[in-house]
Every structure is written in structure tokens, then in C-alpha cells.
């Protein structure tokens, strides 16, 4: 967790402080759908369940204002959770 915090701090260094607030709102919106793993290196990645048998959902976001975390973005954020749930139902117990 300390490495993640350091990587996030480095990512947001020198940027407008409100970008960190937008990021937090975005992560909260994603977590409304279920658990996720957060990685930060050269970019920030929110990953939902690793499953090598399926195609990944990949969306790239560049958000700079709070109002950009809107209903359309929230629909995109729910897609991987819906897909993962359907895949688990098809696979059975």
C-alpha cells in the first residue's frame, strides 16, 4: 500500500490539486460496482478480477473536472463487473 501511495503521489506531483479529487471520485464510482485492484506506474490502472479466459474491458480516461465523472462514465465502469458476473454464471459452481 505504501508503494501505491508513493506512485500515486508521484503521478499527481506538479498537477492541479483538484485532479487528485477527481481521481478519488472516479475510484469511488468504480468501487460502487464491486472490488477492484489499483495499480500505479506509468499510468493508473483499475483492474477488476483477473481472469485469463476472457477478453479484458479497457477504457482510457483523461478526466480533469468533477462533473466528468458522470452517468456515462458510470455506465462504462459497470461493464467489466457485469461481464465478469455473466461469465461466472456460465461457468457454474
C-alpha atoms as a PDB file:
ATOM      1  CA  UNK A   1       0.000   0.000   0.000  1.00  0.00           C
ATOM      2  CA  UNK A   2       2.861   2.365   0.739  1.00  0.00           C
ATOM      3  CA  UNK A   3       4.282   1.768  -2.742  1.00  0.00           C
ATOM      4  CA  UNK A   4       0.907   2.544  -4.285  1.00  0.00           C
ATOM      5  CA  UNK A   5       0.589   5.769  -2.283  1.00  0.00           C
ATOM      6  CA  UNK A   6       4.092   6.805  -3.356  1.00  0.00           C
ATOM      7  CA  UNK A   7       3.365   6.017  -7.007  1.00  0.00           C
ATOM      8  CA  UNK A   8       0.108   7.992  -6.875  1.00  0.00           C
ATOM      9  CA  UNK A   9       1.866  10.917  -5.196  1.00  0.00           C
ATOM     10  CA  UNK A  10       4.476  10.881  -7.952  1.00  0.00           C
ATOM     11  CA  UNK A  11       1.789  10.671 -10.641  1.00  0.00           C
ATOM     12  CA  UNK A  12      -0.048  13.718  -9.278  1.00  0.00           C
ATOM     13  CA  UNK A  13       3.079  15.747  -8.392  1.00  0.00           C
ATOM     14  CA  UNK A  14       3.061  19.142 -10.051  1.00  0.00           C
ATOM     15  CA  UNK A  15      -0.524  18.766 -11.258  1.00  0.00           C
ATOM     16  CA  UNK A  16      -3.551  20.770 -10.227  1.00  0.00           C
ATOM     17  CA  UNK A  17      -4.719  19.618  -6.747  1.00  0.00           C
ATOM     18  CA  UNK A  18      -8.292  19.154  -7.978  1.00  0.00           C
ATOM     19  CA  UNK A  19      -7.109  16.317 -10.246  1.00  0.00           C
ATOM     20  CA  UNK A  20      -6.496  14.180  -7.153  1.00  0.00           C
ATOM     21  CA  UNK A  21     -10.067  14.929  -6.044  1.00  0.00           C
ATOM     22  CA  UNK A  22     -11.397  13.930  -9.473  1.00  0.00           C
ATOM     23  CA  UNK A  23      -9.364  10.715  -9.249  1.00  0.00           C
ATOM     24  CA  UNK A  24     -10.821   9.861  -5.833  1.00  0.00           C
ATOM     25  CA  UNK A  25     -14.336  10.423  -7.145  1.00  0.00           C
ATOM     26  CA  UNK A  26     -13.610   8.183 -10.133  1.00  0.00           C
ATOM     27  CA  UNK A  27     -12.278   5.368  -7.929  1.00  0.00           C
ATOM     28  CA  UNK A  28     -15.301   5.668  -5.600  1.00  0.00           C
ATOM     29  CA  UNK A  29     -17.614   5.426  -8.635  1.00  0.00           C
ATOM     30  CA  UNK A  30     -15.804   2.288  -9.817  1.00  0.00           C
ATOM     31  CA  UNK A  31     -15.938   0.690  -6.354  1.00  0.00           C
ATOM     32  CA  UNK A  32     -19.714   1.163  -6.243  1.00  0.00           C
ATOM     33  CA  UNK A  33     -19.816  -1.838  -8.608  1.00  0.00           C
ATOM     34  CA  UNK A  34     -17.578  -4.130  -6.588  1.00  0.00           C
ATOM     35  CA  UNK A  35     -13.980  -4.786  -5.622  1.00  0.00           C
ATOM     36  CA  UNK A  36     -11.059  -3.693  -7.729  1.00  0.00           C
ATOM     37  CA  UNK A  37      -7.293  -3.602  -7.634  1.00  0.00           C
ATOM     38  CA  UNK A  38      -5.473  -0.343  -8.175  1.00  0.00           C
ATOM     39  CA  UNK A  39      -2.023  -0.123  -9.778  1.00  0.00           C
ATOM     40  CA  UNK A  40       0.049   2.971 -10.481  1.00  0.00           C
ATOM     41  CA  UNK A  41       3.206   3.005 -12.549  1.00  0.00           C
ATOM     42  CA  UNK A  42       3.446   4.992 -15.776  1.00  0.00           C
ATOM     43  CA  UNK A  43      -0.353   5.130 -15.720  1.00  0.00           C
ATOM     44  CA  UNK A  44      -3.056   4.351 -13.188  1.00  0.00           C
ATOM     45  CA  UNK A  45      -4.930   1.083 -13.718  1.00  0.00           C
ATOM     46  CA  UNK A  46      -8.131  -0.084 -12.049  1.00  0.00           C
ATOM     47  CA  UNK A  47      -8.428  -3.839 -12.518  1.00  0.00           C
ATOM     48  CA  UNK A  48     -11.479  -5.968 -11.909  1.00  0.00           C
ATOM     49  CA  UNK A  49     -10.767  -9.654 -11.232  1.00  0.00           C
ATOM     50  CA  UNK A  50      -8.014 -11.263 -13.257  1.00  0.00           C
ATOM     51  CA  UNK A  51      -9.485 -13.962 -15.487  1.00  0.00           C
ATOM     52  CA  UNK A  52      -7.196 -15.206 -18.284  1.00  0.00           C
ATOM     53  CA  UNK A  53     -10.086 -16.907 -20.125  1.00  0.00           C
ATOM     54  CA  UNK A  54     -11.866 -13.688 -21.044  1.00  0.00           C
ATOM     55  CA  UNK A  55     -11.256 -10.573 -23.023  1.00  0.00           C
ATOM     56  CA  UNK A  56     -10.423  -7.536 -20.939  1.00  0.00           C
ATOM     57  CA  UNK A  57     -12.534  -4.406 -20.942  1.00  0.00           C
ATOM     58  CA  UNK A  58     -10.226  -1.480 -21.456  1.00  0.00           C
ATOM     59  CA  UNK A  59     -11.309   2.133 -21.231  1.00  0.00           C
ATOM     60  CA  UNK A  60      -8.905   5.037 -21.186  1.00  0.00           C
ATOM     61  CA  UNK A  61      -9.994   8.111 -19.270  1.00  0.00           C
ATOM     62  CA  UNK A  62      -8.484  11.549 -19.025  1.00  0.00           C
ATOM     63  CA  UNK A  63     -10.612  13.394 -16.503  1.00  0.00           C
ATOM     64  CA  UNK A  64      -9.928  16.889 -15.272  1.00  0.00           C
ATOM     65  CA  UNK A  65     -13.210  18.062 -13.722  1.00  0.00           C
ATOM     66  CA  UNK A  66     -15.528  16.565 -11.118  1.00  0.00           C
ATOM     67  CA  UNK A  67     -18.539  16.769 -13.433  1.00  0.00           C
ATOM     68  CA  UNK A  68     -16.795  14.463 -15.913  1.00  0.00           C
ATOM     69  CA  UNK A  69     -17.413  11.524 -13.564  1.00  0.00           C
ATOM     70  CA  UNK A  70     -20.970  11.465 -14.853  1.00  0.00           C
ATOM     71  CA  UNK A  71     -23.628   8.875 -15.678  1.00  0.00           C
ATOM     72  CA  UNK A  72     -21.948   7.932 -18.967  1.00  0.00           C
ATOM     73  CA  UNK A  73     -18.649   7.178 -17.209  1.00  0.00           C
ATOM     74  CA  UNK A  74     -20.511   5.210 -14.532  1.00  0.00           C
ATOM     75  CA  UNK A  75     -22.088   3.031 -17.263  1.00  0.00           C
ATOM     76  CA  UNK A  76     -18.612   2.277 -18.647  1.00  0.00           C
ATOM     77  CA  UNK A  77     -17.377   1.427 -15.156  1.00  0.00           C
ATOM     78  CA  UNK A  78     -20.088  -1.193 -14.607  1.00  0.00           C
ATOM     79  CA  UNK A  79     -19.326  -3.126 -17.839  1.00  0.00           C
ATOM     80  CA  UNK A  80     -16.466  -5.310 -16.551  1.00  0.00           C
ATOM     81  CA  UNK A  81     -18.440  -6.234 -13.431  1.00  0.00           C
ATOM     82  CA  UNK A  82     -21.482  -7.240 -15.486  1.00  0.00           C
ATOM     83  CA  UNK A  83     -19.352  -9.257 -17.886  1.00  0.00           C
ATOM     84  CA  UNK A  84     -17.481 -10.995 -15.082  1.00  0.00           C
ATOM     85  CA  UNK A  85     -20.756 -11.926 -13.323  1.00  0.00           C
ATOM     86  CA  UNK A  86     -22.199 -13.382 -16.543  1.00  0.00           C
ATOM     87  CA  UNK A  87     -19.002 -15.375 -17.205  1.00  0.00           C
ATOM     88  CA  UNK A  88     -19.098 -16.858 -13.684  1.00  0.00           C
ATOM     89  CA  UNK A  89     -22.772 -17.821 -14.114  1.00  0.00           C
ATOM     90  CA  UNK A  90     -21.994 -19.595 -17.417  1.00  0.00           C
ATOM     91  CA  UNK A  91     -19.067 -21.425 -15.823  1.00  0.00           C
ATOM     92  CA  UNK A  92     -21.243 -22.735 -12.989  1.00  0.00           C
ATOM     93  CA  UNK A  93     -20.130 -23.658  -9.470  1.00  0.00           C
END
